[in-house]
């Protein structure tokens, strides 16, 4: 687990810097960020002093002047990057939180939200880099201290705004927070989105076997306050459970060793990836409404979602809507499931899963690109690509899928499927 100490607030670069300082491999973070399909940026790290404490400063430099992107554009970038599942899920959840707040503040539909500051290269790198660093460190759970904010006014793309900014206040709804009498933006929308999305509990440092810690530095020195975010990484424990915790950070976190989507860095080789299963029983929804509910929870970051027909009380036919998700996303997805289905209740259960390693590739069928997924002893063409090409060529779906998969096998005869 990781506990963030936000005594001087939190920003995206401070969260990323703290995790790098705590031992997340810089080259691996950069390699994962390199999967994002856009260029014109570089991530640099440096050691700095803030209030006499040595910390890591993570700084993004950009040569591309494009800074305004829609939420849909960013979702597309992350989807195209083919990141490990849990990295993509956490990043998408963070941007979804930002989009909902921006939509509410500016009276727009979520799909029409244009990100200004939070659509730039630096914010995308900060968010994806932070969740990538969490994955490299094997962090399953995130908790945080109450989050400090400043006061006064701050400048934004919309002009002068009160500090904390309206987006920060909205993102911190339900989160313990407090204000310092300092005219500085201590917590940014990016930092607030990361912590409010990822953290499942707030308070002092929980019982844990500490394995590493680090400080991420803000961009400026502040009188009488170290401008830092601290992170402490370790294994959760109780007063009766301290033996057997991991004695140090895992050694094997090269990029080549992140094949398992959402792979964990647990102490035991057979440790699975924790999940939460959310379910709601419905007996008054149409087929269209059920299909929309499944699509909504998948778009909100669920690993998978499905419908199961059941016979309910008094012999009424009904449907169970199920969504499998990361524990970090359970609170948000529970709300989506309840809102989209109109259910009076949602139940949850937990467990572990062991997703098989998989990689992705691409082949051409009559000049049309089709993505394929390779793993679990097989190669499988991506349905959306197959369906699109089948429509364009006027060919049966099964035939296009067969040709794509055969093409991959022919081009990789030495691979085991």
Foldseek 3Di string as FASTA:
>chain_A
DKEKEAPLFDDLQQLLFWLVQFPQDPVQLVVLVVLQPDDFKDWDWDWDDAPNDTTIGIDMDGPDPDAKDALVVLLVRLVSSPHFQQLSLLLLLLSQLLLVLQCVVVVHDSRPDIDGNCRGPGNSSSSSSSSSSCLLQQHQAYEYAAHEWEFDWDQDPVGIATTVHSLLVVLCVVGHYYYDDDNDGSYDNSTSSNNSLGHPYYHPDAAFDWATKGWYQDPDHDPPDGSIMMMTDGGHDDPVDDPPTDNHGDDPRHNVPCQNRSDGRGPDPPDFRKKKKKKFKDQPDDPVLLVVLQVQLVSSRFPHWDKDWDQDPPRGIIIMIMTIHRPSCVVVSLVSNCVSRVGPDMDMDMDGDGGWGKDKDWDADVRQIWIWIDTPQAIWTDQVSLVVVCVVVVHDSVVSRVVGRVRVCVVCVPDGD
